[in-house]
PDB file of all heavy atoms in Angstrom:
ATOM      1  N   LEU A   1     -20.204  12.677 -23.259  1.00  0.00           N
ATOM      2  CA  LEU A   1     -19.074  12.129 -22.682  1.00  0.00           C
ATOM      3  C   LEU A   1     -19.180  10.531 -22.572  1.00  0.00           C
ATOM      4  O   LEU A   1     -18.153   9.802 -22.835  1.00  0.00           O
ATOM      5  CB  LEU A   1     -18.989  12.764 -21.202  1.00  0.00           C
ATOM      6  CG  LEU A   1     -17.638  12.595 -20.535  1.00  0.00           C
ATOM      7  CD1 LEU A   1     -16.469  13.273 -21.326  1.00  0.00           C
ATOM      8  CD2 LEU A   1     -17.696  13.192 -19.078  1.00  0.00           C
ATOM      9  N   VAL A   2     -20.346  10.104 -22.199  1.00  0.00           N
ATOM     10  CA  VAL A   2     -20.516   8.625 -22.190  1.00  0.00           C
ATOM     11  C   VAL A   2     -20.395   7.988 -23.490  1.00  0.00           C
ATOM     12  O   VAL A   2     -19.823   6.917 -23.617  1.00  0.00           O
ATOM     13  CB  VAL A   2     -21.963   8.387 -21.462  1.00  0.00           C
ATOM     14  CG1 VAL A   2     -22.342   6.840 -21.719  1.00  0.00           C
ATOM     15  CG2 VAL A   2     -21.924   8.730 -20.047  1.00  0.00           C
ATOM     16  N   GLU A   3     -20.880   8.610 -24.489  1.00  0.00           N
ATOM     17  CA  GLU A   3     -20.849   8.089 -25.809  1.00  0.00           C
ATOM     18  C   GLU A   3     -19.383   7.967 -26.251  1.00  0.00           C
ATOM     19  O   GLU A   3     -19.087   6.916 -27.102  1.00  0.00           O
ATOM     20  CB  GLU A   3     -21.548   9.123 -26.827  1.00  0.00           C
ATOM     21  CG  GLU A   3     -21.735   8.511 -28.234  1.00  0.00           C
ATOM     22  CD  GLU A   3     -22.585   9.392 -29.180  1.00  0.00           C
ATOM     23  OE1 GLU A   3     -23.315  10.226 -28.541  1.00  0.00           O
ATOM     24  OE2 GLU A   3     -22.486   9.340 -30.403  1.00  0.00           O
ATOM     25  N   LYS A   4     -18.550   8.838 -25.901  1.00  0.00           N
ATOM     26  CA  LYS A   4     -17.140   8.841 -26.264  1.00  0.00           C
ATOM     27  C   LYS A   4     -16.328   7.765 -25.369  1.00  0.00           C
ATOM     28  O   LYS A   4     -15.465   7.044 -25.986  1.00  0.00           O
ATOM     29  CB  LYS A   4     -16.489  10.164 -26.182  1.00  0.00           C
ATOM     30  CG  LYS A   4     -15.049  10.178 -26.592  1.00  0.00           C
ATOM     31  CD  LYS A   4     -14.531  11.599 -26.602  1.00  0.00           C
ATOM     32  CE  LYS A   4     -13.074  11.701 -27.023  1.00  0.00           C
ATOM     33  NZ  LYS A   4     -12.490  13.018 -27.110  1.00  0.00           N
ATOM     34  N   TYR A   5     -16.632   7.634 -24.150  1.00  0.00           N
ATOM     35  CA  TYR A   5     -15.737   6.831 -23.286  1.00  0.00           C
ATOM     36  C   TYR A   5     -16.418   5.620 -22.688  1.00  0.00           C
ATOM     37  O   TYR A   5     -15.726   4.845 -22.161  1.00  0.00           O
ATOM     38  CB  TYR A   5     -15.246   7.776 -22.105  1.00  0.00           C
ATOM     39  CG  TYR A   5     -14.292   8.719 -22.523  1.00  0.00           C
ATOM     40  CD1 TYR A   5     -14.634  10.056 -22.619  1.00  0.00           C
ATOM     41  CD2 TYR A   5     -12.901   8.468 -22.735  1.00  0.00           C
ATOM     42  CE1 TYR A   5     -13.720  11.083 -23.091  1.00  0.00           C
ATOM     43  CE2 TYR A   5     -12.005   9.457 -23.121  1.00  0.00           C
ATOM     44  CZ  TYR A   5     -12.397  10.769 -23.188  1.00  0.00           C
ATOM     45  OH  TYR A   5     -11.536  11.728 -23.572  1.00  0.00           O
ATOM     46  N   SER A   6     -17.667   5.449 -22.753  1.00  0.00           N
ATOM     47  CA  SER A   6     -18.547   4.430 -22.141  1.00  0.00           C
ATOM     48  C   SER A   6     -19.019   4.876 -20.781  1.00  0.00           C
ATOM     49  O   SER A   6     -18.251   5.523 -20.066  1.00  0.00           O
ATOM     50  CB  SER A   6     -17.859   3.096 -22.131  1.00  0.00           C
ATOM     51  OG  SER A   6     -17.053   3.092 -20.907  1.00  0.00           O
ATOM     52  N   GLU A   7     -20.149   4.343 -20.384  1.00  0.00           N
ATOM     53  CA  GLU A   7     -20.777   4.678 -19.076  1.00  0.00           C
ATOM     54  C   GLU A   7     -19.920   4.176 -17.922  1.00  0.00           C
ATOM     55  O   GLU A   7     -19.619   4.818 -16.948  1.00  0.00           O
ATOM     56  CB  GLU A   7     -22.250   4.108 -18.991  1.00  0.00           C
ATOM     57  CG  GLU A   7     -22.918   4.445 -17.664  1.00  0.00           C
ATOM     58  CD  GLU A   7     -24.264   3.816 -17.551  1.00  0.00           C
ATOM     59  OE1 GLU A   7     -24.629   3.185 -18.438  1.00  0.00           O
ATOM     60  OE2 GLU A   7     -24.860   3.953 -16.356  1.00  0.00           O
ATOM     61  N   GLU A   8     -19.333   3.006 -18.095  1.00  0.00           N
ATOM     62  CA  GLU A   8     -18.486   2.404 -17.048  1.00  0.00           C
ATOM     63  C   GLU A   8     -17.344   3.304 -16.828  1.00  0.00           C
ATOM     64  O   GLU A   8     -16.900   3.604 -15.598  1.00  0.00           O
ATOM     65  CB  GLU A   8     -18.057   0.990 -17.458  1.00  0.00           C
ATOM     66  CG  GLU A   8     -17.225   0.311 -16.352  1.00  0.00           C
ATOM     67  CD  GLU A   8     -16.679  -1.092 -16.878  1.00  0.00           C
ATOM     68  OE1 GLU A   8     -16.736  -1.310 -18.095  1.00  0.00           O
ATOM     69  OE2 GLU A   8     -16.108  -1.732 -16.020  1.00  0.00           O
ATOM     70  N   THR A   9     -16.618   3.745 -17.809  1.00  0.00           N
ATOM     71  CA  THR A   9     -15.457   4.543 -17.721  1.00  0.00           C
ATOM     72  C   THR A   9     -15.754   5.935 -17.085  1.00  0.00           C
ATOM     73  O   THR A   9     -15.054   6.344 -16.187  1.00  0.00           O
ATOM     74  CB  THR A   9     -14.844   4.843 -19.081  1.00  0.00           C
ATOM     75  OG1 THR A   9     -14.421   3.541 -19.644  1.00  0.00           O
ATOM     76  CG2 THR A   9     -13.544   5.644 -18.959  1.00  0.00           C
ATOM     77  N   VAL A  10     -16.839   6.572 -17.512  1.00  0.00           N
ATOM     78  CA  VAL A  10     -17.198   7.855 -16.993  1.00  0.00           C
ATOM     79  C   VAL A  10     -17.619   7.812 -15.531  1.00  0.00           C
ATOM     80  O   VAL A  10     -17.137   8.537 -14.685  1.00  0.00           O
ATOM     81  CB  VAL A  10     -18.418   8.460 -17.780  1.00  0.00           C
ATOM     82  CG1 VAL A  10     -18.799   9.751 -17.148  1.00  0.00           C
ATOM     83  CG2 VAL A  10     -17.999   8.667 -19.295  1.00  0.00           C
ATOM     84  N   CYS A  11     -18.377   6.768 -15.123  1.00  0.00           N
ATOM     85  CA  CYS A  11     -18.748   6.555 -13.675  1.00  0.00           C
ATOM     86  C   CYS A  11     -17.434   6.183 -12.837  1.00  0.00           C
ATOM     87  O   CYS A  11     -17.379   6.751 -11.747  1.00  0.00           O
ATOM     88  CB  CYS A  11     -19.693   5.434 -13.543  1.00  0.00           C
ATOM     89  SG  CYS A  11     -21.354   5.894 -14.284  1.00  0.00           S
ATOM     90  N   PHE A  12     -16.470   5.409 -13.441  1.00  0.00           N
ATOM     91  CA  PHE A  12     -15.335   5.059 -12.731  1.00  0.00           C
ATOM     92  C   PHE A  12     -14.503   6.276 -12.391  1.00  0.00           C
ATOM     93  O   PHE A  12     -14.057   6.452 -11.331  1.00  0.00           O
ATOM     94  CB  PHE A  12     -14.569   4.134 -13.524  1.00  0.00           C
ATOM     95  CG  PHE A  12     -13.137   3.812 -12.987  1.00  0.00           C
ATOM     96  CD1 PHE A  12     -13.024   2.844 -11.885  1.00  0.00           C
ATOM     97  CD2 PHE A  12     -12.022   4.441 -13.396  1.00  0.00           C
ATOM     98  CE1 PHE A  12     -11.828   2.574 -11.280  1.00  0.00           C
ATOM     99  CE2 PHE A  12     -10.807   4.109 -12.839  1.00  0.00           C
ATOM    100  CZ  PHE A  12     -10.634   3.230 -11.720  1.00  0.00           C
ATOM    101  N   TYR A  13     -14.395   7.213 -13.351  1.00  0.00           N
ATOM    102  CA  TYR A  13     -13.501   8.391 -13.089  1.00  0.00           C
ATOM    103  C   TYR A  13     -14.212   9.412 -12.275  1.00  0.00           C
ATOM    104  O   TYR A  13     -13.567  10.237 -11.659  1.00  0.00           O
ATOM    105  CB  TYR A  13     -12.993   8.897 -14.438  1.00  0.00           C
ATOM    106  CG  TYR A  13     -11.795   8.110 -14.923  1.00  0.00           C
ATOM    107  CD1 TYR A  13     -11.863   7.177 -15.816  1.00  0.00           C
ATOM    108  CD2 TYR A  13     -10.534   8.409 -14.378  1.00  0.00           C
ATOM    109  CE1 TYR A  13     -10.759   6.367 -16.301  1.00  0.00           C
ATOM    110  CE2 TYR A  13      -9.396   7.717 -14.877  1.00  0.00           C
ATOM    111  CZ  TYR A  13      -9.538   6.691 -15.668  1.00  0.00           C
ATOM    112  OH  TYR A  13      -8.372   5.962 -16.105  1.00  0.00           O
ATOM    113  N   ALA A  14     -15.577   9.426 -12.252  1.00  0.00           N
ATOM    114  CA  ALA A  14     -16.219  10.318 -11.395  1.00  0.00           C
ATOM    115  C   ALA A  14     -15.962   9.925  -9.956  1.00  0.00           C
ATOM    116  O   ALA A  14     -15.593  10.747  -9.098  1.00  0.00           O
ATOM    117  CB  ALA A  14     -17.766  10.198 -11.590  1.00  0.00           C
ATOM    118  N   SER A  15     -15.962   8.616  -9.713  1.00  0.00           N
ATOM    119  CA  SER A  15     -15.550   8.120  -8.389  1.00  0.00           C
ATOM    120  C   SER A  15     -14.083   8.391  -8.076  1.00  0.00           C
ATOM    121  O   SER A  15     -13.730   8.729  -6.975  1.00  0.00           O
ATOM    122  CB  SER A  15     -15.917   6.647  -8.278  1.00  0.00           C
ATOM    123  OG  SER A  15     -15.609   6.192  -6.992  1.00  0.00           O
ATOM    124  N   ALA A  16     -13.230   8.126  -9.034  1.00  0.00           N
ATOM    125  CA  ALA A  16     -11.769   8.344  -8.906  1.00  0.00           C
ATOM    126  C   ALA A  16     -11.380   9.750  -8.570  1.00  0.00           C
ATOM    127  O   ALA A  16     -10.544  10.081  -7.675  1.00  0.00           O
ATOM    128  CB  ALA A  16     -11.029   7.900 -10.119  1.00  0.00           C
ATOM    129  N   LEU A  17     -12.172  10.701  -9.152  1.00  0.00           N
ATOM    130  CA  LEU A  17     -11.879  12.152  -8.909  1.00  0.00           C
ATOM    131  C   LEU A  17     -12.236  12.477  -7.441  1.00  0.00           C
ATOM    132  O   LEU A  17     -11.538  13.269  -6.762  1.00  0.00           O
ATOM    133  CB  LEU A  17     -12.738  12.987  -9.843  1.00  0.00           C
ATOM    134  CG  LEU A  17     -12.152  13.097 -11.271  1.00  0.00           C
ATOM    135  CD1 LEU A  17     -13.236  13.710 -12.198  1.00  0.00           C
ATOM    136  CD2 LEU A  17     -10.842  13.908 -11.278  1.00  0.00           C
ATOM    137  N   MET A  18     -13.248  11.837  -6.854  1.00  0.00           N
ATOM    138  CA  MET A  18     -13.629  12.141  -5.446  1.00  0.00           C
ATOM    139  C   MET A  18     -12.538  11.584  -4.520  1.00  0.00           C
ATOM    140  O   MET A  18     -12.211  12.165  -3.476  1.00  0.00           O
ATOM    141  CB  MET A  18     -15.057  11.581  -5.061  1.00  0.00           C
ATOM    142  CG  MET A  18     -16.145  12.413  -5.738  1.00  0.00           C
ATOM    143  SD  MET A  18     -17.842  11.771  -5.248  1.00  0.00           S
ATOM    144  CE  MET A  18     -18.158  10.663  -6.546  1.00  0.00           C
ATOM    145  N   GLU A  19     -12.043  10.349  -4.897  1.00  0.00           N
ATOM    146  CA  GLU A  19     -11.002   9.708  -4.057  1.00  0.00           C
ATOM    147  C   GLU A  19      -9.783  10.577  -4.105  1.00  0.00           C
ATOM    148  O   GLU A  19      -8.954  10.781  -3.214  1.00  0.00           O
ATOM    149  CB  GLU A  19     -10.713   8.371  -4.605  1.00  0.00           C
ATOM    150  CG  GLU A  19     -11.885   7.442  -4.225  1.00  0.00           C
ATOM    151  CD  GLU A  19     -11.660   6.040  -4.960  1.00  0.00           C
ATOM    152  OE1 GLU A  19     -10.637   5.852  -5.636  1.00  0.00           O
ATOM    153  OE2 GLU A  19     -12.572   5.280  -4.763  1.00  0.00           O
ATOM    154  N   TYR A  20      -9.415  11.226  -5.353  1.00  0.00           N
ATOM    155  CA  TYR A  20      -8.253  11.984  -5.545  1.00  0.00           C
ATOM    156  C   TYR A  20      -8.441  13.325  -4.706  1.00  0.00           C
ATOM    157  O   TYR A  20      -7.514  13.657  -3.951  1.00  0.00           O
ATOM    158  CB  TYR A  20      -8.125  12.373  -6.979  1.00  0.00           C
ATOM    159  CG  TYR A  20      -7.054  13.372  -7.328  1.00  0.00           C
ATOM    160  CD1 TYR A  20      -5.735  13.069  -7.173  1.00  0.00           C
ATOM    161  CD2 TYR A  20      -7.385  14.613  -7.816  1.00  0.00           C
ATOM    162  CE1 TYR A  20      -4.648  13.923  -7.347  1.00  0.00           C
ATOM    163  CE2 TYR A  20      -6.298  15.469  -8.089  1.00  0.00           C
ATOM    164  CZ  TYR A  20      -4.944  15.210  -7.883  1.00  0.00           C
ATOM    165  OH  TYR A  20      -3.974  16.048  -8.152  1.00  0.00           O
ATOM    166  N   SER A  21      -9.493  13.912  -4.703  1.00  0.00           N
ATOM    167  CA  SER A  21      -9.725  15.168  -3.874  1.00  0.00           C
ATOM    168  C   SER A  21      -9.679  14.846  -2.362  1.00  0.00           C
ATOM    169  O   SER A  21      -9.110  15.620  -1.601  1.00  0.00           O
ATOM    170  CB  SER A  21     -11.242  15.711  -4.186  1.00  0.00           C
ATOM    171  OG  SER A  21     -11.132  16.310  -5.525  1.00  0.00           O
ATOM    172  N   GLU A  22     -10.202  13.673  -1.962  1.00  0.00           N
ATOM    173  CA  GLU A  22     -10.113  13.179  -0.581  1.00  0.00           C
ATOM    174  C   GLU A  22      -8.564  13.107  -0.231  1.00  0.00           C
ATOM    175  O   GLU A  22      -8.099  13.562   0.928  1.00  0.00           O
ATOM    176  CB  GLU A  22     -10.758  11.929  -0.378  1.00  0.00           C
ATOM    177  CG  GLU A  22     -10.682  11.345   1.099  1.00  0.00           C
ATOM    178  CD  GLU A  22     -11.323   9.976   1.141  1.00  0.00           C
ATOM    179  OE1 GLU A  22     -11.738   9.440   0.225  1.00  0.00           O
ATOM    180  OE2 GLU A  22     -11.388   9.516   2.344  1.00  0.00           O
ATOM    181  N   LYS A  23      -7.791  12.461  -1.055  1.00  0.00           N
ATOM    182  CA  LYS A  23      -6.342  12.278  -0.801  1.00  0.00           C
ATOM    183  C   LYS A  23      -5.603  13.556  -0.629  1.00  0.00           C
ATOM    184  O   LYS A  23      -4.876  13.767   0.317  1.00  0.00           O
ATOM    185  CB  LYS A  23      -5.705  11.439  -1.841  1.00  0.00           C
ATOM    186  CG  LYS A  23      -4.299  11.214  -1.761  1.00  0.00           C
ATOM    187  CD  LYS A  23      -3.749  10.435  -3.019  1.00  0.00           C
ATOM    188  CE  LYS A  23      -2.195  10.269  -2.886  1.00  0.00           C
ATOM    189  NZ  LYS A  23      -1.634   9.619  -4.067  1.00  0.00           N
ATOM    190  N   ILE A  24      -5.790  14.514  -1.489  1.00  0.00           N
ATOM    191  CA  ILE A  24      -5.170  15.797  -1.504  1.00  0.00           C
ATOM    192  C   ILE A  24      -5.624  16.615  -0.253  1.00  0.00           C
ATOM    193  O   ILE A  24      -4.808  17.266   0.396  1.00  0.00           O
ATOM    194  CB  ILE A  24      -5.355  16.633  -2.748  1.00  0.00           C
ATOM    195  CG1 ILE A  24      -4.792  15.801  -3.966  1.00  0.00           C
ATOM    196  CG2 ILE A  24      -4.707  17.963  -2.710  1.00  0.00           C
ATOM    197  CD1 ILE A  24      -3.346  15.423  -3.911  1.00  0.00           C
ATOM    198  N   THR A  25      -6.896  16.546   0.073  1.00  0.00           N
ATOM    199  CA  THR A  25      -7.439  17.272   1.232  1.00  0.00           C
ATOM    200  C   THR A  25      -6.749  16.734   2.568  1.00  0.00           C
ATOM    201  O   THR A  25      -6.422  17.417   3.393  1.00  0.00           O
ATOM    202  CB  THR A  25      -8.951  17.156   1.372  1.00  0.00           C
ATOM    203  OG1 THR A  25      -9.554  17.721   0.081  1.00  0.00           O
ATOM    204  CG2 THR A  25      -9.471  17.999   2.507  1.00  0.00           C
ATOM    205  N   LYS A  26      -6.591  15.426   2.607  1.00  0.00           N
ATOM    206  CA  LYS A  26      -5.978  14.830   3.720  1.00  0.00           C
ATOM    207  C   LYS A  26      -4.478  15.254   3.903  1.00  0.00           C
ATOM    208  O   LYS A  26      -4.074  15.520   5.018  1.00  0.00           O
ATOM    209  CB  LYS A  26      -6.030  13.234   3.620  1.00  0.00           C
ATOM    210  CG  LYS A  26      -7.329  12.653   3.890  1.00  0.00           C
ATOM    211  CD  LYS A  26      -7.303  11.122   3.939  1.00  0.00           C
ATOM    212  CE  LYS A  26      -8.499  10.494   4.376  1.00  0.00           C
ATOM    213  NZ  LYS A  26      -8.484   8.946   4.324  1.00  0.00           N
ATOM    214  N   ASN A  27      -3.829  15.390   2.743  1.00  0.00           N
ATOM    215  CA  ASN A  27      -2.503  15.816   2.795  1.00  0.00           C
ATOM    216  C   ASN A  27      -2.406  17.313   3.255  1.00  0.00           C
ATOM    217  O   ASN A  27      -1.458  17.752   3.991  1.00  0.00           O
ATOM    218  CB  ASN A  27      -1.842  15.792   1.406  1.00  0.00           C
ATOM    219  CG  ASN A  27      -1.475  14.297   1.000  1.00  0.00           C
ATOM    220  OD1 ASN A  27      -1.472  13.426   1.788  1.00  0.00           O
ATOM    221  ND2 ASN A  27      -1.443  14.065  -0.318  1.00  0.00           N
ATOM    222  N   THR A  28      -3.387  18.091   2.899  1.00  0.00           N
ATOM    223  CA  THR A  28      -3.447  19.504   3.265  1.00  0.00           C
ATOM    224  C   THR A  28      -3.673  19.550   4.813  1.00  0.00           C
ATOM    225  O   THR A  28      -3.008  20.321   5.556  1.00  0.00           O
ATOM    226  CB  THR A  28      -4.554  20.210   2.593  1.00  0.00           C
ATOM    227  OG1 THR A  28      -4.421  20.244   1.146  1.00  0.00           O
ATOM    228  CG2 THR A  28      -4.781  21.624   3.108  1.00  0.00           C
ATOM    229  N   ILE A  29      -4.589  18.751   5.348  1.00  0.00           N
ATOM    230  CA  ILE A  29      -4.774  18.742   6.771  1.00  0.00           C
ATOM    231  C   ILE A  29      -3.600  18.229   7.529  1.00  0.00           C
ATOM    232  O   ILE A  29      -3.243  18.683   8.617  1.00  0.00           O
ATOM    233  CB  ILE A  29      -6.066  17.826   7.093  1.00  0.00           C
ATOM    234  CG1 ILE A  29      -7.224  18.492   6.497  1.00  0.00           C
ATOM    235  CG2 ILE A  29      -6.243  17.655   8.542  1.00  0.00           C
ATOM    236  CD1 ILE A  29      -8.564  17.560   6.521  1.00  0.00           C
ATOM    237  N   LYS A  30      -2.887  17.207   6.909  1.00  0.00           N
ATOM    238  CA  LYS A  30      -1.657  16.746   7.610  1.00  0.00           C
ATOM    239  C   LYS A  30      -0.628  17.692   7.813  1.00  0.00           C
ATOM    240  O   LYS A  30       0.152  17.631   8.726  1.00  0.00           O
ATOM    241  CB  LYS A  30      -1.192  15.549   6.733  1.00  0.00           C
ATOM    242  CG  LYS A  30      -0.219  14.583   7.520  1.00  0.00           C
ATOM    243  CD  LYS A  30       0.269  13.523   6.527  1.00  0.00           C
ATOM    244  CE  LYS A  30      -0.753  12.581   6.227  1.00  0.00           C
ATOM    245  NZ  LYS A  30      -0.292  11.350   5.332  1.00  0.00           N
ATOM    246  N   ASN A  31      -0.577  18.742   7.057  1.00  0.00           N
ATOM    247  CA  ASN A  31       0.354  19.882   7.046  1.00  0.00           C
ATOM    248  C   ASN A  31       0.015  20.901   8.171  1.00  0.00           C
ATOM    249  O   ASN A  31       0.819  21.810   8.372  1.00  0.00           O
ATOM    250  CB  ASN A  31       0.645  20.532   5.744  1.00  0.00           C
ATOM    251  CG  ASN A  31       1.318  19.617   4.827  1.00  0.00           C
ATOM    252  OD1 ASN A  31       2.195  18.788   5.177  1.00  0.00           O
ATOM    253  ND2 ASN A  31       0.993  19.688   3.528  1.00  0.00           N
ATOM    254  N   ILE A  32      -1.158  20.757   8.787  1.00  0.00           N
ATOM    255  CA  ILE A  32      -1.483  21.633   9.809  1.00  0.00           C
ATOM    256  C   ILE A  32      -1.065  20.993  11.146  1.00  0.00           C
ATOM    257  O   ILE A  32      -1.363  19.781  11.376  1.00  0.00           O
ATOM    258  CB  ILE A  32      -3.113  21.836   9.894  1.00  0.00           C
ATOM    259  CG1 ILE A  32      -3.534  22.457   8.575  1.00  0.00           C
ATOM    260  CG2 ILE A  32      -3.479  22.746  11.120  1.00  0.00           C
ATOM    261  CD1 ILE A  32      -4.944  22.530   8.374  1.00  0.00           C
ATOM    262  N   PRO A  33      -0.397  21.653  12.074  1.00  0.00           N
ATOM    263  CA  PRO A  33       0.088  20.964  13.333  1.00  0.00           C
ATOM    264  C   PRO A  33      -1.106  20.390  14.101  1.00  0.00           C
ATOM    265  O   PRO A  33      -2.180  21.017  14.273  1.00  0.00           O
ATOM    266  CB  PRO A  33       0.704  22.159  14.085  1.00  0.00           C
ATOM    267  CG  PRO A  33       1.140  23.079  13.088  1.00  0.00           C
ATOM    268  CD  PRO A  33       0.078  23.010  11.949  1.00  0.00           C
ATOM    269  N   ASP A  34      -0.966  19.220  14.605  1.00  0.00           N
ATOM    270  CA  ASP A  34      -2.034  18.651  15.469  1.00  0.00           C
ATOM    271  C   ASP A  34      -2.296  19.546  16.692  1.00  0.00           C
ATOM    272  O   ASP A  34      -1.350  20.197  17.213  1.00  0.00           O
ATOM    273  CB  ASP A  34      -1.516  17.323  16.073  1.00  0.00           C
ATOM    274  CG  ASP A  34      -1.669  16.164  14.932  1.00  0.00           C
ATOM    275  OD1 ASP A  34      -2.028  16.456  13.815  1.00  0.00           O
ATOM    276  OD2 ASP A  34      -1.302  14.992  15.283  1.00  0.00           O
ATOM    277  N   GLY A  35      -3.555  19.557  17.116  1.00  0.00           N
ATOM    278  CA  GLY A  35      -3.869  20.409  18.287  1.00  0.00           C
ATOM    279  C   GLY A  35      -5.312  20.809  18.223  1.00  0.00           C
ATOM    280  O   GLY A  35      -6.075  20.504  17.259  1.00  0.00           O
ATOM    281  N   LYS A  36      -5.675  21.534  19.255  1.00  0.00           N
ATOM    282  CA  LYS A  36      -7.078  22.028  19.406  1.00  0.00           C
ATOM    283  C   LYS A  36      -6.945  23.613  19.396  1.00  0.00           C
ATOM    284  O   LYS A  36      -6.151  24.191  20.100  1.00  0.00           O
ATOM    285  CB  LYS A  36      -7.792  21.597  20.685  1.00  0.00           C
ATOM    286  CG  LYS A  36      -9.145  22.216  20.888  1.00  0.00           C
ATOM    287  CD  LYS A  36      -9.839  21.665  22.205  1.00  0.00           C
ATOM    288  CE  LYS A  36     -11.191  22.268  22.354  1.00  0.00           C
ATOM    289  NZ  LYS A  36     -11.941  21.728  23.574  1.00  0.00           N
ATOM    290  N   TYR A  37      -7.730  24.219  18.446  1.00  0.00           N
ATOM    291  CA  TYR A  37      -7.718  25.610  18.227  1.00  0.00           C
ATOM    292  C   TYR A  37      -9.099  26.122  18.249  1.00  0.00           C
ATOM    293  O   TYR A  37      -9.967  25.662  17.696  1.00  0.00           O
ATOM    294  CB  TYR A  37      -7.014  25.934  16.798  1.00  0.00           C
ATOM    295  CG  TYR A  37      -5.753  25.217  16.562  1.00  0.00           C
ATOM    296  CD1 TYR A  37      -5.726  24.044  15.848  1.00  0.00           C
ATOM    297  CD2 TYR A  37      -4.596  25.678  17.063  1.00  0.00           C
ATOM    298  CE1 TYR A  37      -4.569  23.323  15.650  1.00  0.00           C
ATOM    299  CE2 TYR A  37      -3.334  24.946  16.949  1.00  0.00           C
ATOM    300  CZ  TYR A  37      -3.385  23.838  16.248  1.00  0.00           C
ATOM    301  OH  TYR A  37      -2.168  23.147  15.957  1.00  0.00           O
ATOM    302  N   THR A  38      -9.246  27.305  19.039  1.00  0.00           N
ATOM    303  CA  THR A  38     -10.542  27.837  19.344  1.00  0.00           C
ATOM    304  C   THR A  38     -10.604  29.255  18.913  1.00  0.00           C
ATOM    305  O   THR A  38      -9.597  29.976  19.044  1.00  0.00           O
ATOM    306  CB  THR A  38     -10.780  27.735  20.926  1.00  0.00           C
ATOM    307  OG1 THR A  38     -10.806  26.232  21.220  1.00  0.00           O
ATOM    308  CG2 THR A  38     -12.200  28.279  21.240  1.00  0.00           C
TER     309      THR A  38
END
């Protein structure tokens, strides 16, 4: 993968994928009503 795209590009998109998952997870949580549930 690095040979095809370069180390810089592969490492950049590894980080970008984590940021993308974080963003979508935040959107998922935002759709749950605020509150305390036990």
